[in-house]
């Protein structure tokens, strides 16, 4: 299993940053437009944006005088791989349990 960047979980741990990602999933937004959705200072929004960028969840592009944030699909891949690992773990456990139950059922019918 690939090593997961702990910054990714730290970045997702804050509800404001999760909300920013949700907003950015609909469209790319300038940092100013993003800030209008939150009851916090523009510098505070910028700090959250920087953390999301460092964790790889978003990219920032300068267009004219504005800085636009957009989701970075690759940033989510490490988390998806981590989740897939445990998905496989639990699916394997369920298959084993089903086999045990089937074996017990066959023994009871004999």
PDB file of N, CA and C in Angstrom:
ATOM      1  N   UNK A   1       0.854  -1.185   0.000  1.00  0.00           N
ATOM      2  CA  UNK A   1       0.000   0.000   0.000  1.00  0.00           C
ATOM      3  C   UNK A   1       0.889   1.234   0.000  1.00  0.00           C
ATOM      4  N   UNK A   2       0.497   2.237  -0.788  1.00  0.00           N
ATOM      5  CA  UNK A   2       1.257   3.476  -0.873  1.00  0.00           C
ATOM      6  C   UNK A   2       1.158   4.242   0.435  1.00  0.00           C
ATOM      7  N   UNK A   3       2.254   4.886   0.825  1.00  0.00           N
ATOM      8  CA  UNK A   3       2.268   5.711   2.027  1.00  0.00           C
ATOM      9  C   UNK A   3       1.385   6.934   1.808  1.00  0.00           C
ATOM     10  N   UNK A   4       0.470   7.192   2.729  1.00  0.00           N
ATOM     11  CA  UNK A   4      -0.429   8.320   2.606  1.00  0.00           C
ATOM     12  C   UNK A   4       0.171   9.532   3.276  1.00  0.00           C
ATOM     13  N   UNK A   5       0.100  10.653   2.607  1.00  0.00           N
ATOM     14  CA  UNK A   5       0.580  11.914   3.153  1.00  0.00           C
ATOM     15  C   UNK A   5      -0.332  12.319   4.306  1.00  0.00           C
ATOM     16  N   UNK A   6       0.222  12.423   5.510  1.00  0.00           N
ATOM     17  CA  UNK A   6      -0.602  12.772   6.662  1.00  0.00           C
ATOM     18  C   UNK A   6      -1.152  14.190   6.530  1.00  0.00           C
ATOM     19  N   UNK A   7      -0.530  15.039   5.738  1.00  0.00           N
ATOM     20  CA  UNK A   7      -1.061  16.372   5.513  1.00  0.00           C
ATOM     21  C   UNK A   7      -2.439  16.316   4.860  1.00  0.00           C
ATOM     22  N   UNK A   8      -2.692  15.285   4.079  1.00  0.00           N
ATOM     23  CA  UNK A   8      -3.992  15.149   3.434  1.00  0.00           C
ATOM     24  C   UNK A   8      -5.087  15.029   4.482  1.00  0.00           C
ATOM     25  N   UNK A   9      -4.895  14.192   5.483  1.00  0.00           N
ATOM     26  CA  UNK A   9      -5.898  14.053   6.529  1.00  0.00           C
ATOM     27  C   UNK A   9      -6.005  15.320   7.361  1.00  0.00           C
ATOM     28  N   UNK A  10      -4.882  15.953   7.612  1.00  0.00           N
ATOM     29  CA  UNK A  10      -4.913  17.217   8.358  1.00  0.00           C
ATOM     30  C   UNK A  10      -5.706  18.257   7.577  1.00  0.00           C
ATOM     31  N   UNK A  11      -5.477  18.315   6.275  1.00  0.00           N
ATOM     32  CA  UNK A  11      -6.191  19.278   5.439  1.00  0.00           C
ATOM     33  C   UNK A  11      -7.690  18.996   5.439  1.00  0.00           C
ATOM     34  N   UNK A  12      -8.060  17.730   5.403  1.00  0.00           N
ATOM     35  CA  UNK A  12      -9.478  17.370   5.389  1.00  0.00           C
ATOM     36  C   UNK A  12     -10.131  17.444   6.765  1.00  0.00           C
ATOM     37  N   UNK A  13      -9.321  17.575   7.793  1.00  0.00           N
ATOM     38  CA  UNK A  13      -9.840  17.582   9.154  1.00  0.00           C
ATOM     39  C   UNK A  13     -10.620  18.835   9.516  1.00  0.00           C
ATOM     40  N   UNK A  14     -10.455  19.887   8.756  1.00  0.00           N
ATOM     41  CA  UNK A  14     -11.127  21.150   9.075  1.00  0.00           C
ATOM     42  C   UNK A  14     -12.409  21.277   8.244  1.00  0.00           C
ATOM     43  N   UNK A  15     -13.548  21.544   8.893  1.00  0.00           N
ATOM     44  CA  UNK A  15     -14.809  21.643   8.152  1.00  0.00           C
ATOM     45  C   UNK A  15     -14.819  22.776   7.123  1.00  0.00           C
ATOM     46  N   UNK A  16     -14.118  23.865   7.391  1.00  0.00           N
ATOM     47  CA  UNK A  16     -14.057  24.954   6.417  1.00  0.00           C
ATOM     48  C   UNK A  16     -13.342  24.510   5.147  1.00  0.00           C
ATOM     49  N   UNK A  17     -12.264  23.757   5.299  1.00  0.00           N
ATOM     50  CA  UNK A  17     -11.544  23.278   4.123  1.00  0.00           C
ATOM     51  C   UNK A  17     -12.366  22.253   3.354  1.00  0.00           C
ATOM     52  N   UNK A  18     -13.099  21.403   4.068  1.00  0.00           N
ATOM     53  CA  UNK A  18     -13.975  20.454   3.374  1.00  0.00           C
ATOM     54  C   UNK A  18     -15.054  21.200   2.592  1.00  0.00           C
ATOM     55  N   UNK A  19     -15.590  22.262   3.181  1.00  0.00           N
ATOM     56  CA  UNK A  19     -16.601  23.065   2.490  1.00  0.00           C
ATOM     57  C   UNK A  19     -15.994  23.757   1.271  1.00  0.00           C
ATOM     58  N   UNK A  20     -14.756  24.208   1.381  1.00  0.00           N
ATOM     59  CA  UNK A  20     -14.082  24.825   0.233  1.00  0.00           C
ATOM     60  C   UNK A  20     -13.956  23.824  -0.906  1.00  0.00           C
ATOM     61  N   UNK A  21     -13.585  22.601  -0.585  1.00  0.00           N
ATOM     62  CA  UNK A  21     -13.482  21.564  -1.612  1.00  0.00           C
ATOM     63  C   UNK A  21     -14.840  21.280  -2.250  1.00  0.00           C
ATOM     64  N   UNK A  22     -15.876  21.275  -1.448  1.00  0.00           N
ATOM     65  CA  UNK A  22     -17.217  21.060  -1.981  1.00  0.00           C
ATOM     66  C   UNK A  22     -17.591  22.184  -2.947  1.00  0.00           C
ATOM     67  N   UNK A  23     -17.315  23.415  -2.571  1.00  0.00           N
ATOM     68  CA  UNK A  23     -17.604  24.540  -3.464  1.00  0.00           C
ATOM     69  C   UNK A  23     -16.800  24.436  -4.753  1.00  0.00           C
ATOM     70  N   UNK A  24     -15.538  24.047  -4.624  1.00  0.00           N
ATOM     71  CA  UNK A  24     -14.678  23.943  -5.805  1.00  0.00           C
ATOM     72  C   UNK A  24     -15.037  22.748  -6.682  1.00  0.00           C
ATOM     73  N   UNK A  25     -15.788  21.804  -6.136  1.00  0.00           N
ATOM     74  CA  UNK A  25     -16.206  20.668  -6.961  1.00  0.00           C
ATOM     75  C   UNK A  25     -17.257  21.093  -7.983  1.00  0.00           C
ATOM     76  N   UNK A  26     -17.914  22.217  -7.745  1.00  0.00           N
ATOM     77  CA  UNK A  26     -18.907  22.724  -8.686  1.00  0.00           C
ATOM     78  C   UNK A  26     -18.267  23.581  -9.772  1.00  0.00           C
ATOM     79  N   UNK A  27     -17.238  24.350  -9.390  1.00  0.00           N
ATOM     80  CA  UNK A  27     -16.581  25.242 -10.345  1.00  0.00           C
ATOM     81  C   UNK A  27     -15.299  25.795  -9.742  1.00  0.00           C
ATOM     82  N   UNK A  28     -14.409  26.245 -10.611  1.00  0.00           N
ATOM     83  CA  UNK A  28     -13.215  26.948 -10.159  1.00  0.00           C
ATOM     84  C   UNK A  28     -13.646  28.316  -9.646  1.00  0.00           C
ATOM     85  N   UNK A  29     -13.009  28.745  -8.569  1.00  0.00           N
ATOM     86  CA  UNK A  29     -13.357  30.041  -7.981  1.00  0.00           C
ATOM     87  C   UNK A  29     -12.095  30.831  -7.681  1.00  0.00           C
ATOM     88  N   UNK A  30     -12.208  32.136  -7.773  1.00  0.00           N
ATOM     89  CA  UNK A  30     -11.106  32.974  -7.317  1.00  0.00           C
ATOM     90  C   UNK A  30     -11.074  32.899  -5.789  1.00  0.00           C
ATOM     91  N   UNK A  31      -9.946  33.230  -5.221  1.00  0.00           N
ATOM     92  CA  UNK A  31      -9.851  33.199  -3.760  1.00  0.00           C
ATOM     93  C   UNK A  31     -10.843  34.192  -3.158  1.00  0.00           C
ATOM     94  N   UNK A  32     -11.016  35.352  -3.809  1.00  0.00           N
ATOM     95  CA  UNK A  32     -11.989  36.331  -3.312  1.00  0.00           C
ATOM     96  C   UNK A  32     -13.408  35.779  -3.360  1.00  0.00           C
ATOM     97  N   UNK A  33     -13.779  35.117  -4.453  1.00  0.00           N
ATOM     98  CA  UNK A  33     -15.121  34.530  -4.563  1.00  0.00           C
ATOM     99  C   UNK A  33     -15.305  33.419  -3.529  1.00  0.00           C
ATOM    100  N   UNK A  34     -14.275  32.643  -3.306  1.00  0.00           N
ATOM    101  CA  UNK A  34     -14.328  31.585  -2.303  1.00  0.00           C
ATOM    102  C   UNK A  34     -14.525  32.186  -0.911  1.00  0.00           C
ATOM    103  N   UNK A  35     -13.806  33.274  -0.643  1.00  0.00           N
ATOM    104  CA  UNK A  35     -13.870  33.920   0.668  1.00  0.00           C
ATOM    105  C   UNK A  35     -15.260  34.450   0.982  1.00  0.00           C
ATOM    106  N   UNK A  36     -16.025  34.816  -0.036  1.00  0.00           N
ATOM    107  CA  UNK A  36     -17.375  35.358   0.181  1.00  0.00           C
ATOM    108  C   UNK A  36     -18.322  34.330   0.791  1.00  0.00           C
ATOM    109  N   UNK A  37     -17.950  33.067   0.737  1.00  0.00           N
ATOM    110  CA  UNK A  37     -18.789  32.000   1.284  1.00  0.00           C
ATOM    111  C   UNK A  37     -18.510  31.700   2.748  1.00  0.00           C
ATOM    112  N   UNK A  38     -17.578  32.424   3.353  1.00  0.00           N
ATOM    113  CA  UNK A  38     -17.159  32.113   4.716  1.00  0.00           C
ATOM    114  C   UNK A  38     -17.151  33.358   5.582  1.00  0.00           C
ATOM    115  N   UNK A  39     -17.441  33.150   6.843  1.00  0.00           N
ATOM    116  CA  UNK A  39     -17.423  34.240   7.811  1.00  0.00           C
ATOM    117  C   UNK A  39     -16.053  34.271   8.485  1.00  0.00           C
ATOM    118  N   UNK A  40     -15.048  34.621   7.673  1.00  0.00           N
ATOM    119  CA  UNK A  40     -13.676  34.738   8.186  1.00  0.00           C
ATOM    120  C   UNK A  40     -12.937  35.734   7.312  1.00  0.00           C
ATOM    121  N   UNK A  41     -11.815  36.179   7.790  1.00  0.00           N
ATOM    122  CA  UNK A  41     -11.039  37.170   7.043  1.00  0.00           C
ATOM    123  C   UNK A  41     -10.460  36.570   5.769  1.00  0.00           C
ATOM    124  N   UNK A  42     -10.148  37.424   4.843  1.00  0.00           N
ATOM    125  CA  UNK A  42      -9.513  36.992   3.586  1.00  0.00           C
ATOM    126  C   UNK A  42      -8.183  36.297   3.863  1.00  0.00           C
ATOM    127  N   UNK A  43      -7.335  36.824   4.788  1.00  0.00           N
ATOM    128  CA  UNK A  43      -6.088  36.112   5.100  1.00  0.00           C
ATOM    129  C   UNK A  43      -6.325  34.711   5.687  1.00  0.00           C
ATOM    130  N   UNK A  44      -7.387  34.561   6.468  1.00  0.00           N
ATOM    131  CA  UNK A  44      -7.698  33.234   7.026  1.00  0.00           C
ATOM    132  C   UNK A  44      -8.088  32.275   5.901  1.00  0.00           C
ATOM    133  N   UNK A  45      -8.881  32.750   4.945  1.00  0.00           N
ATOM    134  CA  UNK A  45      -9.249  31.919   3.790  1.00  0.00           C
ATOM    135  C   UNK A  45      -7.991  31.545   3.023  1.00  0.00           C
ATOM    136  N   UNK A  46      -7.091  32.498   2.840  1.00  0.00           N
ATOM    137  CA  UNK A  46      -5.841  32.231   2.116  1.00  0.00           C
ATOM    138  C   UNK A  46      -5.016  31.147   2.797  1.00  0.00           C
ATOM    139  N   UNK A  47      -5.005  31.135   4.125  1.00  0.00           N
ATOM    140  CA  UNK A  47      -4.265  30.087   4.852  1.00  0.00           C
ATOM    141  C   UNK A  47      -4.885  28.714   4.593  1.00  0.00           C
ATOM    142  N   UNK A  48      -6.211  28.656   4.595  1.00  0.00           N
ATOM    143  CA  UNK A  48      -6.886  27.388   4.308  1.00  0.00           C
ATOM    144  C   UNK A  48      -6.591  26.937   2.878  1.00  0.00           C
ATOM    145  N   UNK A  49      -6.646  27.878   1.951  1.00  0.00           N
ATOM    146  CA  UNK A  49      -6.369  27.572   0.549  1.00  0.00           C
ATOM    147  C   UNK A  49      -4.938  27.053   0.403  1.00  0.00           C
ATOM    148  N   UNK A  50      -4.005  27.686   1.093  1.00  0.00           N
ATOM    149  CA  UNK A  50      -2.605  27.259   1.015  1.00  0.00           C
ATOM    150  C   UNK A  50      -2.450  25.825   1.523  1.00  0.00           C
ATOM    151  N   UNK A  51      -3.145  25.483   2.606  1.00  0.00           N
ATOM    152  CA  UNK A  51      -3.048  24.123   3.132  1.00  0.00           C
ATOM    153  C   UNK A  51      -3.624  23.120   2.138  1.00  0.00           C
ATOM    154  N   UNK A  52      -4.741  23.468   1.507  1.00  0.00           N
ATOM    155  CA  UNK A  52      -5.320  22.573   0.504  1.00  0.00           C
ATOM    156  C   UNK A  52      -4.381  22.405  -0.688  1.00  0.00           C
ATOM    157  N   UNK A  53      -3.703  23.478  -1.041  1.00  0.00           N
ATOM    158  CA  UNK A  53      -2.732  23.410  -2.140  1.00  0.00           C
ATOM    159  C   UNK A  53      -1.541  22.539  -1.756  1.00  0.00           C
ATOM    160  N   UNK A  54      -0.997  22.728  -0.557  1.00  0.00           N
ATOM    161  CA  UNK A  54       0.150  21.937  -0.102  1.00  0.00           C
ATOM    162  C   UNK A  54      -0.193  20.452   0.009  1.00  0.00           C
ATOM    163  N   UNK A  55      -1.432  20.159   0.368  1.00  0.00           N
ATOM    164  CA  UNK A  55      -1.864  18.763   0.469  1.00  0.00           C
ATOM    165  C   UNK A  55      -2.148  18.167  -0.912  1.00  0.00           C
ATOM    166  N   UNK A  56      -2.160  19.009  -1.940  1.00  0.00           N
ATOM    167  CA  UNK A  56      -2.351  18.521  -3.296  1.00  0.00           C
ATOM    168  C   UNK A  56      -3.789  18.456  -3.767  1.00  0.00           C
ATOM    169  N   UNK A  57      -4.723  18.971  -2.971  1.00  0.00           N
ATOM    170  CA  UNK A  57      -6.131  18.890  -3.337  1.00  0.00           C
ATOM    171  C   UNK A  57      -6.544  19.930  -4.363  1.00  0.00           C
ATOM    172  N   UNK A  58      -5.839  21.050  -4.392  1.00  0.00           N
ATOM    173  CA  UNK A  58      -6.190  22.098  -5.353  1.00  0.00           C
ATOM    174  C   UNK A  58      -4.932  22.636  -6.014  1.00  0.00           C
ATOM    175  N   UNK A  59      -5.148  23.266  -7.152  1.00  0.00           N
ATOM    176  CA  UNK A  59      -4.093  24.028  -7.804  1.00  0.00           C
ATOM    177  C   UNK A  59      -4.572  25.471  -7.868  1.00  0.00           C
ATOM    178  N   UNK A  60      -3.626  26.383  -7.953  1.00  0.00           N
ATOM    179  CA  UNK A  60      -3.950  27.801  -8.037  1.00  0.00           C
ATOM    180  C   UNK A  60      -3.335  28.345  -9.313  1.00  0.00           C
ATOM    181  N   UNK A  61      -4.167  29.042 -10.065  1.00  0.00           N
ATOM    182  CA  UNK A  61      -3.719  29.606 -11.333  1.00  0.00           C
ATOM    183  C   UNK A  61      -3.983  31.108 -11.319  1.00  0.00           C
ATOM    184  N   UNK A  62      -2.969  31.870 -11.678  1.00  0.00           N
ATOM    185  CA  UNK A  62      -3.121  33.315 -11.787  1.00  0.00           C
ATOM    186  C   UNK A  62      -3.729  33.644 -13.144  1.00  0.00           C
ATOM    187  N   UNK A  63      -4.884  34.298 -13.121  1.00  0.00           N
ATOM    188  CA  UNK A  63      -5.540  34.750 -14.349  1.00  0.00           C
ATOM    189  C   UNK A  63      -5.812  36.245 -14.161  1.00  0.00           C
ATOM    190  N   UNK A  64      -5.066  37.032 -14.881  1.00  0.00           N
ATOM    191  CA  UNK A  64      -5.178  38.476 -14.689  1.00  0.00           C
ATOM    192  C   UNK A  64      -4.731  38.831 -13.282  1.00  0.00           C
ATOM    193  N   UNK A  65      -5.569  39.576 -12.599  1.00  0.00           N
ATOM    194  CA  UNK A  65      -5.235  39.983 -11.226  1.00  0.00           C
ATOM    195  C   UNK A  65      -5.808  39.040 -10.180  1.00  0.00           C
ATOM    196  N   UNK A  66      -6.500  38.021 -10.626  1.00  0.00           N
ATOM    197  CA  UNK A  66      -7.134  37.075  -9.707  1.00  0.00           C
ATOM    198  C   UNK A  66      -6.359  35.764  -9.651  1.00  0.00           C
ATOM    199  N   UNK A  67      -6.471  35.105  -8.518  1.00  0.00           N
ATOM    200  CA  UNK A  67      -5.906  33.768  -8.336  1.00  0.00           C
ATOM    201  C   UNK A  67      -7.076  32.800  -8.231  1.00  0.00           C
ATOM    202  N   UNK A  68      -7.131  31.832  -9.147  1.00  0.00           N
ATOM    203  CA  UNK A  68      -8.236  30.886  -9.202  1.00  0.00           C
ATOM    204  C   UNK A  68      -7.820  29.536  -8.637  1.00  0.00           C
ATOM    205  N   UNK A  69      -8.721  28.970  -7.850  1.00  0.00           N
ATOM    206  CA  UNK A  69      -8.518  27.647  -7.257  1.00  0.00           C
ATOM    207  C   UNK A  69      -9.346  26.643  -8.028  1.00  0.00           C
ATOM    208  N   UNK A  70      -8.759  25.496  -8.296  1.00  0.00           N
ATOM    209  CA  UNK A  70      -9.523  24.409  -8.899  1.00  0.00           C
ATOM    210  C   UNK A  70      -9.046  23.096  -8.302  1.00  0.00           C
ATOM    211  N   UNK A  71      -9.949  22.127  -8.295  1.00  0.00           N
ATOM    212  CA  UNK A  71      -9.614  20.826  -7.727  1.00  0.00           C
ATOM    213  C   UNK A  71      -8.534  20.155  -8.551  1.00  0.00           C
ATOM    214  N   UNK A  72      -7.689  19.420  -7.862  1.00  0.00           N
ATOM    215  CA  UNK A  72      -6.630  18.642  -8.491  1.00  0.00           C
ATOM    216  C   UNK A  72      -6.951  17.168  -8.251  1.00  0.00           C
ATOM    217  N   UNK A  73      -7.407  16.496  -9.276  1.00  0.00           N
ATOM    218  CA  UNK A  73      -7.825  15.086  -9.148  1.00  0.00           C
ATOM    219  C   UNK A  73      -6.726  14.220  -8.540  1.00  0.00           C
ATOM    220  N   UNK A  74      -5.502  14.442  -8.951  1.00  0.00           N
ATOM    221  CA  UNK A  74      -4.386  13.629  -8.453  1.00  0.00           C
ATOM    222  C   UNK A  74      -4.233  13.749  -6.938  1.00  0.00           C
ATOM    223  N   UNK A  75      -4.584  14.882  -6.383  1.00  0.00           N
ATOM    224  CA  UNK A  75      -4.469  15.067  -4.939  1.00  0.00           C
ATOM    225  C   UNK A  75      -5.330  14.122  -4.124  1.00  0.00           C
ATOM    226  N   UNK A  76      -6.382  13.630  -4.744  1.00  0.00           N
ATOM    227  CA  UNK A  76      -7.305  12.733  -4.050  1.00  0.00           C
ATOM    228  C   UNK A  76      -6.933  11.263  -4.214  1.00  0.00           C
ATOM    229  N   UNK A  77      -5.986  10.981  -5.108  1.00  0.00           N
ATOM    230  CA  UNK A  77      -5.650   9.593  -5.425  1.00  0.00           C
ATOM    231  C   UNK A  77      -5.062   8.837  -4.229  1.00  0.00           C
ATOM    232  N   UNK A  78      -4.206   9.477  -3.455  1.00  0.00           N
ATOM    233  CA  UNK A  78      -3.596   8.757  -2.326  1.00  0.00           C
ATOM    234  C   UNK A  78      -4.650   8.379  -1.289  1.00  0.00           C
ATOM    235  N   UNK A  79      -5.600   9.250  -1.061  1.00  0.00           N
ATOM    236  CA  UNK A  79      -6.673   8.928  -0.115  1.00  0.00           C
ATOM    237  C   UNK A  79      -7.545   7.819  -0.686  1.00  0.00           C
ATOM    238  N   UNK A  80      -7.847   7.887  -1.983  1.00  0.00           N
ATOM    239  CA  UNK A  80      -8.660   6.847  -2.612  1.00  0.00           C
ATOM    240  C   UNK A  80      -7.964   5.490  -2.520  1.00  0.00           C
ATOM    241  N   UNK A  81      -6.653   5.467  -2.756  1.00  0.00           N
ATOM    242  CA  UNK A  81      -5.902   4.206  -2.659  1.00  0.00           C
ATOM    243  C   UNK A  81      -5.933   3.674  -1.231  1.00  0.00           C
ATOM    244  N   UNK A  82      -5.827   4.555  -0.262  1.00  0.00           N
ATOM    245  CA  UNK A  82      -5.865   4.158   1.144  1.00  0.00           C
ATOM    246  C   UNK A  82      -7.229   3.561   1.481  1.00  0.00           C
ATOM    247  N   UNK A  83      -8.291   4.213   1.026  1.00  0.00           N
ATOM    248  CA  UNK A  83      -9.648   3.708   1.261  1.00  0.00           C
ATOM    249  C   UNK A  83      -9.839   2.362   0.557  1.00  0.00           C
ATOM    250  N   UNK A  84      -9.361   2.256  -0.678  1.00  0.00           N
ATOM    251  CA  UNK A  84      -9.479   1.001  -1.429  1.00  0.00           C
ATOM    252  C   UNK A  84      -8.796  -0.153  -0.703  1.00  0.00           C
ATOM    253  N   UNK A  85      -7.658   0.126  -0.071  1.00  0.00           N
ATOM    254  CA  UNK A  85      -6.953  -0.914   0.677  1.00  0.00           C
ATOM    255  C   UNK A  85      -7.868  -1.497   1.761  1.00  0.00           C
ATOM    256  N   UNK A  86      -8.515  -0.631   2.523  1.00  0.00           N
ATOM    257  CA  UNK A  86      -9.366  -1.110   3.605  1.00  0.00           C
ATOM    258  C   UNK A  86     -10.692  -1.651   3.093  1.00  0.00           C
ATOM    259  N   UNK A  87     -11.142  -1.165   1.953  1.00  0.00           N
ATOM    260  CA  UNK A  87     -12.309  -1.751   1.307  1.00  0.00           C
ATOM    261  C   UNK A  87     -12.033  -3.221   0.996  1.00  0.00           C
ATOM    262  N   UNK A  88     -10.855  -3.479   0.411  1.00  0.00           N
ATOM    263  CA  UNK A  88     -10.455  -4.852   0.097  1.00  0.00           C
ATOM    264  C   UNK A  88     -10.336  -5.701   1.347  1.00  0.00           C
ATOM    265  N   UNK A  89      -9.798  -5.137   2.407  1.00  0.00           N
ATOM    266  CA  UNK A  89      -9.654  -5.831   3.677  1.00  0.00           C
ATOM    267  C   UNK A  89     -11.018  -6.313   4.178  1.00  0.00           C
ATOM    268  N   UNK A  90     -12.007  -5.411   4.198  1.00  0.00           N
ATOM    269  CA  UNK A  90     -13.322  -5.778   4.726  1.00  0.00           C
ATOM    270  C   UNK A  90     -14.064  -6.711   3.792  1.00  0.00           C
ATOM    271  N   UNK A  91     -13.901  -6.542   2.494  1.00  0.00           N
ATOM    272  CA  UNK A  91     -14.544  -7.475   1.554  1.00  0.00           C
ATOM    273  C   UNK A  91     -14.010  -8.884   1.748  1.00  0.00           C
ATOM    274  N   UNK A  92     -12.712  -9.011   1.963  1.00  0.00           N
ATOM    275  CA  UNK A  92     -12.106 -10.320   2.211  1.00  0.00           C
ATOM    276  C   UNK A  92     -12.662 -10.938   3.488  1.00  0.00           C
ATOM    277  N   UNK A  93     -12.845 -10.130   4.521  1.00  0.00           N
ATOM    278  CA  UNK A  93     -13.407 -10.638   5.778  1.00  0.00           C
ATOM    279  C   UNK A  93     -14.839 -11.138   5.572  1.00  0.00           C
ATOM    280  N   UNK A  94     -15.621 -10.431   4.778  1.00  0.00           N
ATOM    281  CA  UNK A  94     -17.004 -10.839   4.522  1.00  0.00           C
ATOM    282  C   UNK A  94     -17.042 -12.144   3.736  1.00  0.00           C
ATOM    283  N   UNK A  95     -16.169 -12.288   2.749  1.00  0.00           N
ATOM    284  CA  UNK A  95     -16.098 -13.532   1.973  1.00  0.00           C
ATOM    285  C   UNK A  95     -15.747 -14.694   2.892  1.00  0.00           C
ATOM    286  N   UNK A  96     -14.793 -14.502   3.782  1.00  0.00           N
ATOM    287  CA  UNK A  96     -14.416 -15.569   4.722  1.00  0.00           C
ATOM    288  C   UNK A  96     -15.572 -15.933   5.646  1.00  0.00           C
ATOM    289  N   UNK A  97     -16.288 -14.920   6.112  1.00  0.00           N
ATOM    290  CA  UNK A  97     -17.434 -15.171   6.983  1.00  0.00           C
ATOM    291  C   UNK A  97     -18.510 -15.949   6.238  1.00  0.00           C
ATOM    292  N   UNK A  98     -18.782 -15.567   5.004  1.00  0.00           N
ATOM    293  CA  UNK A  98     -19.767 -16.293   4.191  1.00  0.00           C
ATOM    294  C   UNK A  98     -19.350 -17.752   4.005  1.00  0.00           C
ATOM    295  N   UNK A  99     -18.054 -17.993   3.783  1.00  0.00           N
ATOM    296  CA  UNK A  99     -17.565 -19.359   3.626  1.00  0.00           C
ATOM    297  C   UNK A  99     -17.762 -20.153   4.908  1.00  0.00           C
ATOM    298  N   UNK A 100     -17.450 -19.545   6.045  1.00  0.00           N
ATOM    299  CA  UNK A 100     -17.644 -20.222   7.326  1.00  0.00           C
ATOM    300  C   UNK A 100     -19.112 -20.545   7.561  1.00  0.00           C
ATOM    301  N   UNK A 101     -19.989 -19.611   7.256  1.00  0.00           N
ATOM    302  CA  UNK A 101     -21.426 -19.849   7.444  1.00  0.00           C
ATOM    303  C   UNK A 101     -21.924 -20.946   6.515  1.00  0.00           C
ATOM    304  N   UNK A 102     -21.436 -20.936   5.273  1.00  0.00           N
ATOM    305  CA  UNK A 102     -21.818 -21.995   4.333  1.00  0.00           C
ATOM    306  C   UNK A 102     -21.323 -23.352   4.822  1.00  0.00           C
ATOM    307  N   UNK A 103     -20.084 -23.412   5.324  1.00  0.00           N
ATOM    308  CA  UNK A 103     -19.556 -24.657   5.861  1.00  0.00           C
ATOM    309  C   UNK A 103     -20.373 -25.159   7.030  1.00  0.00           C
ATOM    310  N   UNK A 104     -20.759 -24.263   7.945  1.00  0.00           N
ATOM    311  CA  UNK A 104     -21.578 -24.640   9.097  1.00  0.00           C
ATOM    312  C   UNK A 104     -22.952 -25.134   8.649  1.00  0.00           C
ATOM    313  N   UNK A 105     -23.513 -24.496   7.644  1.00  0.00           N
ATOM    314  CA  UNK A 105     -24.825 -24.880   7.126  1.00  0.00           C
ATOM    315  C   UNK A 105     -24.770 -26.284   6.523  1.00  0.00           C
ATOM    316  N   UNK A 106     -23.693 -26.557   5.783  1.00  0.00           N
ATOM    317  CA  UNK A 106     -23.527 -27.886   5.175  1.00  0.00           C
ATOM    318  C   UNK A 106     -23.365 -28.964   6.242  1.00  0.00           C
ATOM    319  N   UNK A 107     -22.619 -28.670   7.315  1.00  0.00           N
ATOM    320  CA  UNK A 107     -22.438 -29.622   8.403  1.00  0.00           C
ATOM    321  C   UNK A 107     -23.751 -29.907   9.111  1.00  0.00           C
ATOM    322  N   UNK A 108     -24.563 -28.856   9.276  1.00  0.00           N
ATOM    323  CA  UNK A 108     -25.865 -29.021   9.950  1.00  0.00           C
ATOM    324  C   UNK A 108     -26.825 -29.858   9.115  1.00  0.00           C
ATOM    325  N   UNK A 109     -26.694 -29.786   7.784  1.00  0.00           N
ATOM    326  CA  UNK A 109     -27.581 -30.530   6.903  1.00  0.00           C
ATOM    327  C   UNK A 109     -27.138 -31.992   6.751  1.00  0.00           C
ATOM    328  N   UNK A 110     -25.915 -32.295   7.149  1.00  0.00           N
ATOM    329  CA  UNK A 110     -25.399 -33.664   6.989  1.00  0.00           C
ATOM    330  C   UNK A 110     -25.895 -34.578   8.067  1.00  0.00           C
TER     331      UNK A 110
END
